[in-house]
Amino acid sequence: MNNNYYYVSKTEPVRNGDGTNVYFTFSYPDGGSQLNGNVKLTNKEYIEALENGTDDDMYSGLYKAIKAKIIEINTAVTTTTTTAKEA
């Protein structure tokens, strides 16, 4: 998987040691705009992402992990509470 839209600019351990911050840039191919950000992956998520890379794109597993984390962060869990009306 050769993905020119994502660019991993930096990775660094979280200060308390419970994960890795992954800094990235995502370029929108049609509009030319960019999204810069970072996600925190657990140590397990980060290692698994690196293991899922391929020979032609060693970061392909990391791109998938970034995408999954962004979706997770932006998917709000909503709770609906209903109350019965008194007659």
Protein backbone atom coordinates (compact mmCIF):
# COMPACT_ATOMS: atom_id res chain seq x y z
CA MET A 1 0.00 0.00 0.00
CA ASN A 2 1.67 3.18 -1.11
CA ASN A 3 -0.21 6.06 0.50
CA ASN A 4 0.91 9.55 -0.51
CA TYR A 5 -1.82 11.28 1.50
CA TYR A 6 -0.43 10.50 4.95
CA TYR A 7 2.95 11.58 6.21
CA VAL A 8 4.21 10.59 9.65
CA SER A 9 6.36 13.50 10.73
CA LYS A 10 7.41 12.38 14.21
CA THR A 11 6.85 9.75 16.87
CA GLU A 12 7.77 10.10 20.50
CA PRO A 13 7.05 8.21 23.70
CA VAL A 14 4.39 9.66 25.98
CA ARG A 15 6.15 11.13 29.02
CA ASN A 16 4.54 8.77 31.52
CA GLY A 17 5.48 5.78 29.33
CA ASP A 18 1.97 4.53 28.58
CA GLY A 19 2.07 4.98 24.82
CA THR A 20 3.46 6.74 21.78
CA ASN A 21 2.42 10.05 20.26
CA VAL A 22 2.33 9.85 16.47
CA TYR A 23 2.36 13.20 14.63
CA PHE A 24 1.01 13.18 11.10
CA THR A 25 -0.03 15.28 8.13
CA PHE A 26 -2.93 14.27 5.92
CA SER A 27 -3.19 15.98 2.54
CA TYR A 28 -6.56 16.21 0.83
CA PRO A 29 -5.85 15.32 -2.80
CA ASP A 30 -8.48 17.50 -4.48
CA GLY A 31 -8.52 20.68 -2.42
CA GLY A 32 -4.84 20.89 -1.58
CA SER A 33 -5.53 21.52 2.11
CA GLN A 34 -3.88 19.65 4.96
CA LEU A 35 -4.77 18.31 8.38
CA ASN A 36 -1.93 18.21 10.89
CA GLY A 37 -2.34 16.46 14.18
CA ASN A 38 -1.29 13.70 16.48
CA VAL A 39 -2.81 10.65 18.07
CA LYS A 40 -1.75 8.69 21.10
CA LEU A 41 -1.41 4.97 20.53
CA THR A 42 -0.89 2.52 23.35
CA ASN A 43 2.44 0.71 23.26
CA LYS A 44 0.63 -2.41 22.02
CA GLU A 45 -1.21 -0.50 19.26
CA TYR A 46 2.03 1.13 18.11
CA ILE A 47 4.02 -2.11 17.98
CA GLU A 48 1.19 -3.93 16.18
CA ALA A 49 0.92 -1.05 13.68
CA LEU A 50 4.63 -1.25 12.90
CA GLU A 51 4.42 -5.03 12.53
CA ASN A 52 1.60 -4.58 9.98
CA GLY A 53 3.76 -2.54 7.61
CA THR A 54 4.73 -3.97 4.25
CA ASP A 55 8.01 -4.20 2.36
CA ASP A 56 6.97 -1.46 -0.07
CA ASP A 57 5.46 0.82 2.64
CA MET A 58 6.70 0.21 6.16
CA TYR A 59 4.23 2.76 7.58
CA SER A 60 1.08 1.27 6.04
CA GLY A 61 0.08 -0.35 9.34
CA LEU A 62 0.71 2.93 11.13
CA TYR A 63 -1.53 4.81 8.67
CA LYS A 64 -4.34 2.35 9.37
CA ALA A 65 -3.85 2.74 13.13
CA ILE A 66 -3.92 6.55 12.83
CA LYS A 67 -7.14 6.39 10.79
CA ALA A 68 -8.77 4.00 13.27
CA LYS A 69 -7.78 6.22 16.22
CA ILE A 70 -9.14 9.36 14.53
CA ILE A 71 -12.43 7.58 13.86
CA GLU A 72 -12.54 6.34 17.45
CA ILE A 73 -11.88 9.82 18.85
CA ASN A 74 -14.49 11.45 16.61
CA THR A 75 -17.23 8.89 17.08
CA ALA A 76 -19.24 10.15 19.99
CA VAL A 77 -21.11 7.67 22.08
CA THR A 78 -24.57 9.04 22.72
CA THR A 79 -26.99 7.99 25.38
CA THR A 80 -30.71 8.61 25.14
CA THR A 81 -32.73 8.84 28.30
CA THR A 82 -36.50 8.74 28.20
CA THR A 83 -38.88 9.43 31.02
CA ALA A 84 -42.45 8.26 31.25
CA LYS A 85 -45.11 10.94 31.37
CA GLU A 86 -47.50 10.80 34.27
CA ALA A 87 -51.12 10.41 33.29
